[in-house]
Amino acid sequence: MQNIEDIKKTIGEKSAVMLYFSAPACNVCHALKPKLLEAIKCNFKEFEVLSIDTSLEQETAAYFSVFAIPTVLVFLDGKEFLRKSRHMSVDEVVLEIKRPYEIMMR
């Protein structure tokens, strides 16, 4: 369990961070998460991924304006770059990150 300050610190220190918001009762979250994490691991070596359980961490979800699950937030160089909620595909997320990530990591 991470607090907001720890998450903000990670976002500030790491060049690429993904926040994955989900909850135990969300079947879509559980189906998507392993596939998405594997795709991130295979395509983007420098990514730090933090999983946030919204059923336990409502304050964190509210802080990041997350009101639907699953939600993925991607931060590049400390700035929110991508926000996807509910209906997303793994390929869609990877494609949207790929070019800016490669440019940033040169």
N, C-alpha and C. Protein backbone atom coordinates (compact mmCIF):
# COMPACT_ATOMS: atom_id res chain seq x y z
N MET A 1 0.84 -1.18 0.00
CA MET A 1 0.00 0.00 0.00
C MET A 1 0.89 1.25 0.00
N GLN A 2 0.68 2.11 -0.98
CA GLN A 2 1.48 3.32 -1.08
C GLN A 2 0.63 4.53 -0.68
N ASN A 3 1.28 5.50 -0.06
CA ASN A 3 0.54 6.73 0.20
C ASN A 3 0.81 7.71 -0.94
N ILE A 4 0.05 8.78 -0.97
CA ILE A 4 0.13 9.74 -2.07
C ILE A 4 1.52 10.34 -2.17
N GLU A 5 2.13 10.65 -1.05
CA GLU A 5 3.47 11.25 -1.07
C GLU A 5 4.50 10.30 -1.68
N ASP A 6 4.41 9.02 -1.34
CA ASP A 6 5.33 8.03 -1.91
C ASP A 6 5.14 7.90 -3.42
N ILE A 7 3.90 7.92 -3.86
CA ILE A 7 3.60 7.83 -5.29
C ILE A 7 4.14 9.06 -6.01
N LYS A 8 3.89 10.24 -5.45
CA LYS A 8 4.40 11.47 -6.05
C LYS A 8 5.93 11.47 -6.12
N LYS A 9 6.57 10.94 -5.09
CA LYS A 9 8.03 10.85 -5.07
C LYS A 9 8.52 9.93 -6.18
N THR A 10 7.88 8.79 -6.35
CA THR A 10 8.24 7.85 -7.41
C THR A 10 8.08 8.50 -8.78
N ILE A 11 6.97 9.19 -8.98
CA ILE A 11 6.73 9.88 -10.25
C ILE A 11 7.81 10.92 -10.51
N GLY A 12 8.25 11.61 -9.47
CA GLY A 12 9.29 12.62 -9.62
C GLY A 12 10.67 12.05 -9.86
N GLU A 13 10.94 10.88 -9.31
CA GLU A 13 12.28 10.28 -9.40
C GLU A 13 12.47 9.40 -10.63
N LYS A 14 11.45 8.73 -11.06
CA LYS A 14 11.55 7.79 -12.19
C LYS A 14 11.13 8.47 -13.47
N SER A 15 11.76 8.10 -14.57
CA SER A 15 11.43 8.75 -15.84
C SER A 15 10.13 8.23 -16.43
N ALA A 16 9.74 6.99 -16.09
CA ALA A 16 8.51 6.41 -16.64
C ALA A 16 7.79 5.63 -15.53
N VAL A 17 6.56 6.04 -15.25
CA VAL A 17 5.78 5.41 -14.18
C VAL A 17 4.36 5.14 -14.69
N MET A 18 3.87 3.96 -14.37
CA MET A 18 2.47 3.63 -14.66
C MET A 18 1.77 3.35 -13.34
N LEU A 19 0.61 3.98 -13.16
CA LEU A 19 -0.27 3.68 -12.03
C LEU A 19 -1.43 2.85 -12.57
N TYR A 20 -1.64 1.69 -11.97
CA TYR A 20 -2.73 0.82 -12.39
C TYR A 20 -3.74 0.75 -11.26
N PHE A 21 -4.90 1.38 -11.46
CA PHE A 21 -5.96 1.43 -10.46
C PHE A 21 -6.95 0.32 -10.73
N SER A 22 -7.21 -0.50 -9.70
CA SER A 22 -8.16 -1.59 -9.84
C SER A 22 -8.78 -1.88 -8.47
N ALA A 23 -9.63 -2.91 -8.44
CA ALA A 23 -10.24 -3.35 -7.19
C ALA A 23 -10.48 -4.85 -7.27
N PRO A 24 -10.53 -5.52 -6.13
CA PRO A 24 -10.71 -6.98 -6.13
C PRO A 24 -11.99 -7.45 -6.83
N ALA A 25 -13.04 -6.67 -6.80
CA ALA A 25 -14.32 -7.09 -7.39
C ALA A 25 -14.40 -6.83 -8.90
N CYS A 26 -13.35 -6.30 -9.48
CA CYS A 26 -13.36 -5.93 -10.91
C CYS A 26 -12.76 -7.05 -11.75
N ASN A 27 -13.62 -7.79 -12.46
CA ASN A 27 -13.13 -8.88 -13.30
C ASN A 27 -12.31 -8.39 -14.48
N VAL A 28 -12.69 -7.27 -15.06
CA VAL A 28 -11.93 -6.71 -16.18
C VAL A 28 -10.52 -6.36 -15.72
N CYS A 29 -10.42 -5.79 -14.52
CA CYS A 29 -9.11 -5.42 -13.97
C CYS A 29 -8.20 -6.64 -13.88
N HIS A 30 -8.74 -7.74 -13.41
CA HIS A 30 -7.94 -8.94 -13.22
C HIS A 30 -7.56 -9.59 -14.54
N ALA A 31 -8.39 -9.47 -15.55
CA ALA A 31 -8.07 -10.02 -16.87
C ALA A 31 -7.03 -9.17 -17.58
N LEU A 32 -7.14 -7.86 -17.45
CA LEU A 32 -6.26 -6.93 -18.16
C LEU A 32 -4.87 -6.83 -17.53
N LYS A 33 -4.80 -6.81 -16.21
CA LYS A 33 -3.56 -6.49 -15.51
C LYS A 33 -2.38 -7.37 -15.91
N PRO A 34 -2.48 -8.71 -15.87
CA PRO A 34 -1.29 -9.50 -16.20
C PRO A 34 -0.81 -9.29 -17.64
N LYS A 35 -1.75 -9.13 -18.55
CA LYS A 35 -1.38 -8.91 -19.96
C LYS A 35 -0.70 -7.55 -20.13
N LEU A 36 -1.24 -6.54 -19.49
CA LEU A 36 -0.67 -5.20 -19.60
C LEU A 36 0.71 -5.14 -18.94
N LEU A 37 0.86 -5.72 -17.76
CA LEU A 37 2.14 -5.71 -17.08
C LEU A 37 3.21 -6.45 -17.89
N GLU A 38 2.85 -7.54 -18.49
CA GLU A 38 3.79 -8.29 -19.32
C GLU A 38 4.21 -7.46 -20.55
N ALA A 39 3.26 -6.79 -21.17
CA ALA A 39 3.57 -5.95 -22.34
C ALA A 39 4.48 -4.79 -21.96
N ILE A 40 4.23 -4.19 -20.82
CA ILE A 40 5.08 -3.08 -20.35
C ILE A 40 6.49 -3.60 -20.07
N LYS A 41 6.57 -4.71 -19.38
CA LYS A 41 7.87 -5.30 -19.04
C LYS A 41 8.68 -5.65 -20.30
N CYS A 42 8.02 -6.17 -21.31
CA CYS A 42 8.70 -6.59 -22.54
C CYS A 42 9.11 -5.40 -23.42
N ASN A 43 8.32 -4.34 -23.43
CA ASN A 43 8.54 -3.23 -24.35
C ASN A 43 9.25 -2.02 -23.74
N PHE A 44 9.13 -1.84 -22.44
CA PHE A 44 9.64 -0.63 -21.80
C PHE A 44 10.41 -1.00 -20.54
N LYS A 45 11.70 -1.14 -20.66
CA LYS A 45 12.54 -1.63 -19.55
C LYS A 45 12.60 -0.70 -18.35
N GLU A 46 12.43 0.58 -18.57
CA GLU A 46 12.60 1.56 -17.49
C GLU A 46 11.31 1.89 -16.72
N PHE A 47 10.21 1.23 -17.03
CA PHE A 47 8.95 1.57 -16.38
C PHE A 47 8.87 1.05 -14.95
N GLU A 48 8.38 1.90 -14.08
CA GLU A 48 8.02 1.52 -12.71
C GLU A 48 6.50 1.42 -12.71
N VAL A 49 5.95 0.28 -12.30
CA VAL A 49 4.50 0.10 -12.28
C VAL A 49 4.05 -0.02 -10.83
N LEU A 50 3.07 0.81 -10.47
CA LEU A 50 2.47 0.77 -9.14
C LEU A 50 1.01 0.37 -9.27
N SER A 51 0.61 -0.64 -8.53
CA SER A 51 -0.78 -1.08 -8.52
C SER A 51 -1.47 -0.48 -7.31
N ILE A 52 -2.63 0.08 -7.54
CA ILE A 52 -3.37 0.75 -6.47
C ILE A 52 -4.77 0.14 -6.38
N ASP A 53 -5.09 -0.40 -5.23
CA ASP A 53 -6.39 -1.01 -4.96
C ASP A 53 -7.33 0.10 -4.50
N THR A 54 -8.26 0.46 -5.35
CA THR A 54 -9.16 1.58 -5.02
C THR A 54 -10.12 1.26 -3.88
N SER A 55 -10.33 -0.01 -3.60
CA SER A 55 -11.20 -0.35 -2.48
C SER A 55 -10.52 -0.03 -1.14
N LEU A 56 -9.19 -0.01 -1.13
CA LEU A 56 -8.45 0.31 0.08
C LEU A 56 -7.91 1.74 0.08
N GLU A 57 -7.69 2.27 -1.09
CA GLU A 57 -7.02 3.56 -1.22
C GLU A 57 -7.88 4.58 -1.98
N GLN A 58 -9.07 4.84 -1.43
CA GLN A 58 -9.99 5.79 -2.06
C GLN A 58 -9.40 7.20 -2.14
N GLU A 59 -8.65 7.58 -1.13
CA GLU A 59 -8.05 8.92 -1.11
C GLU A 59 -7.05 9.08 -2.25
N THR A 60 -6.27 8.04 -2.51
CA THR A 60 -5.30 8.08 -3.61
C THR A 60 -6.02 8.16 -4.94
N ALA A 61 -7.07 7.35 -5.10
CA ALA A 61 -7.84 7.40 -6.35
C ALA A 61 -8.44 8.78 -6.56
N ALA A 62 -8.99 9.36 -5.52
CA ALA A 62 -9.57 10.71 -5.63
C ALA A 62 -8.50 11.74 -5.95
N TYR A 63 -7.34 11.64 -5.34
CA TYR A 63 -6.25 12.58 -5.59
C TYR A 63 -5.88 12.60 -7.07
N PHE A 64 -5.86 11.42 -7.69
CA PHE A 64 -5.51 11.32 -9.11
C PHE A 64 -6.75 11.39 -10.02
N SER A 65 -7.90 11.77 -9.47
CA SER A 65 -9.15 11.90 -10.22
C SER A 65 -9.52 10.62 -10.97
N VAL A 66 -9.40 9.50 -10.27
CA VAL A 66 -9.77 8.21 -10.84
C VAL A 66 -11.13 7.82 -10.27
N PHE A 67 -12.11 7.72 -11.16
CA PHE A 67 -13.48 7.42 -10.72
C PHE A 67 -14.05 6.18 -11.39
N ALA A 68 -13.25 5.51 -12.23
CA ALA A 68 -13.67 4.28 -12.90
C ALA A 68 -12.48 3.33 -12.87
N ILE A 69 -12.78 2.03 -12.88
CA ILE A 69 -11.70 1.05 -12.91
C ILE A 69 -11.94 0.03 -14.02
N PRO A 70 -10.94 -0.52 -14.59
CA PRO A 70 -9.54 -0.19 -14.38
C PRO A 70 -9.19 1.17 -15.01
N THR A 71 -8.23 1.83 -14.41
CA THR A 71 -7.68 3.07 -14.97
C THR A 71 -6.17 2.95 -14.95
N VAL A 72 -5.57 3.38 -16.05
CA VAL A 72 -4.13 3.39 -16.18
C VAL A 72 -3.69 4.84 -16.38
N LEU A 73 -2.74 5.27 -15.56
CA LEU A 73 -2.13 6.58 -15.73
C LEU A 73 -0.65 6.36 -16.03
N VAL A 74 -0.17 7.01 -17.07
CA VAL A 74 1.24 6.91 -17.42
C VAL A 74 1.87 8.28 -17.27
N PHE A 75 2.97 8.32 -16.53
CA PHE A 75 3.71 9.56 -16.32
C PHE A 75 5.08 9.41 -16.98
N LEU A 76 5.43 10.37 -17.83
CA LEU A 76 6.75 10.40 -18.46
C LEU A 76 7.42 11.70 -18.03
N ASP A 77 8.61 11.58 -17.51
CA ASP A 77 9.35 12.74 -16.98
C ASP A 77 8.52 13.55 -15.98
N GLY A 78 7.77 12.86 -15.14
CA GLY A 78 7.03 13.51 -14.07
C GLY A 78 5.69 14.13 -14.46
N LYS A 79 5.33 14.02 -15.73
CA LYS A 79 4.07 14.63 -16.20
C LYS A 79 3.12 13.55 -16.70
N GLU A 80 1.84 13.73 -16.39
CA GLU A 80 0.86 12.77 -16.88
C GLU A 80 0.83 12.83 -18.41
N PHE A 81 1.06 11.69 -19.01
CA PHE A 81 1.11 11.59 -20.47
C PHE A 81 -0.11 10.87 -21.02
N LEU A 82 -0.59 9.86 -20.31
CA LEU A 82 -1.68 9.03 -20.83
C LEU A 82 -2.61 8.66 -19.70
N ARG A 83 -3.91 8.67 -20.01
CA ARG A 83 -4.94 8.25 -19.06
C ARG A 83 -5.94 7.42 -19.85
N LYS A 84 -6.10 6.17 -19.42
CA LYS A 84 -7.07 5.27 -20.05
C LYS A 84 -7.93 4.67 -18.96
N SER A 85 -9.23 4.64 -19.20
CA SER A 85 -10.16 4.05 -18.23
C SER A 85 -11.12 3.09 -18.92
N ARG A 86 -11.48 2.09 -18.16
CA ARG A 86 -12.50 1.10 -18.53
C ARG A 86 -12.14 0.30 -19.77
N HIS A 87 -12.42 0.83 -20.94
CA HIS A 87 -12.27 0.05 -22.18
C HIS A 87 -10.95 0.42 -22.86
N MET A 88 -9.99 -0.50 -22.78
CA MET A 88 -8.69 -0.27 -23.42
C MET A 88 -8.12 -1.62 -23.80
N SER A 89 -7.27 -1.60 -24.79
CA SER A 89 -6.57 -2.83 -25.14
C SER A 89 -5.10 -2.66 -24.79
N VAL A 90 -4.43 -3.76 -24.59
CA VAL A 90 -3.01 -3.74 -24.28
C VAL A 90 -2.24 -3.09 -25.43
N ASP A 91 -2.56 -3.50 -26.65
CA ASP A 91 -1.88 -2.95 -27.83
C ASP A 91 -2.06 -1.44 -27.94
N GLU A 92 -3.24 -0.98 -27.65
CA GLU A 92 -3.54 0.45 -27.70
C GLU A 92 -2.65 1.23 -26.73
N VAL A 93 -2.52 0.73 -25.51
CA VAL A 93 -1.70 1.40 -24.50
C VAL A 93 -0.23 1.39 -24.93
N VAL A 94 0.25 0.24 -25.38
CA VAL A 94 1.66 0.12 -25.81
C VAL A 94 1.94 1.07 -26.97
N LEU A 95 1.06 1.11 -27.96
CA LEU A 95 1.28 1.98 -29.12
C LEU A 95 1.33 3.46 -28.74
N GLU A 96 0.49 3.86 -27.81
CA GLU A 96 0.46 5.28 -27.41
C GLU A 96 1.71 5.68 -26.62
N ILE A 97 2.32 4.74 -25.94
CA ILE A 97 3.50 5.03 -25.14
C ILE A 97 4.79 4.93 -25.96
N LYS A 98 4.81 4.04 -26.92
CA LYS A 98 6.04 3.63 -27.60
C LYS A 98 6.91 4.78 -28.13
N ARG A 99 6.37 5.61 -28.98
CA ARG A 99 7.19 6.66 -29.60
C ARG A 99 7.73 7.68 -28.58
N PRO A 100 6.89 8.26 -27.74
CA PRO A 100 7.44 9.22 -26.76
C PRO A 100 8.44 8.57 -25.80
N TYR A 101 8.19 7.33 -25.44
CA TYR A 101 9.11 6.62 -24.55
C TYR A 101 10.48 6.45 -25.21
N GLU A 102 10.47 6.02 -26.47
CA GLU A 102 11.73 5.82 -27.20
C GLU A 102 12.49 7.13 -27.36
N ILE A 103 11.79 8.19 -27.66
CA ILE A 103 12.44 9.51 -27.79
C ILE A 103 13.04 9.93 -26.46
N MET A 104 12.30 9.74 -25.39
CA MET A 104 12.74 10.14 -24.07
C MET A 104 13.96 9.35 -23.60
N MET A 105 14.06 8.08 -23.97
CA MET A 105 15.13 7.21 -23.50
C MET A 105 16.39 7.26 -24.36
N ARG A 106 16.41 8.07 -25.39
CA ARG A 106 17.62 8.17 -26.24
C ARG A 106 18.76 8.74 -25.50
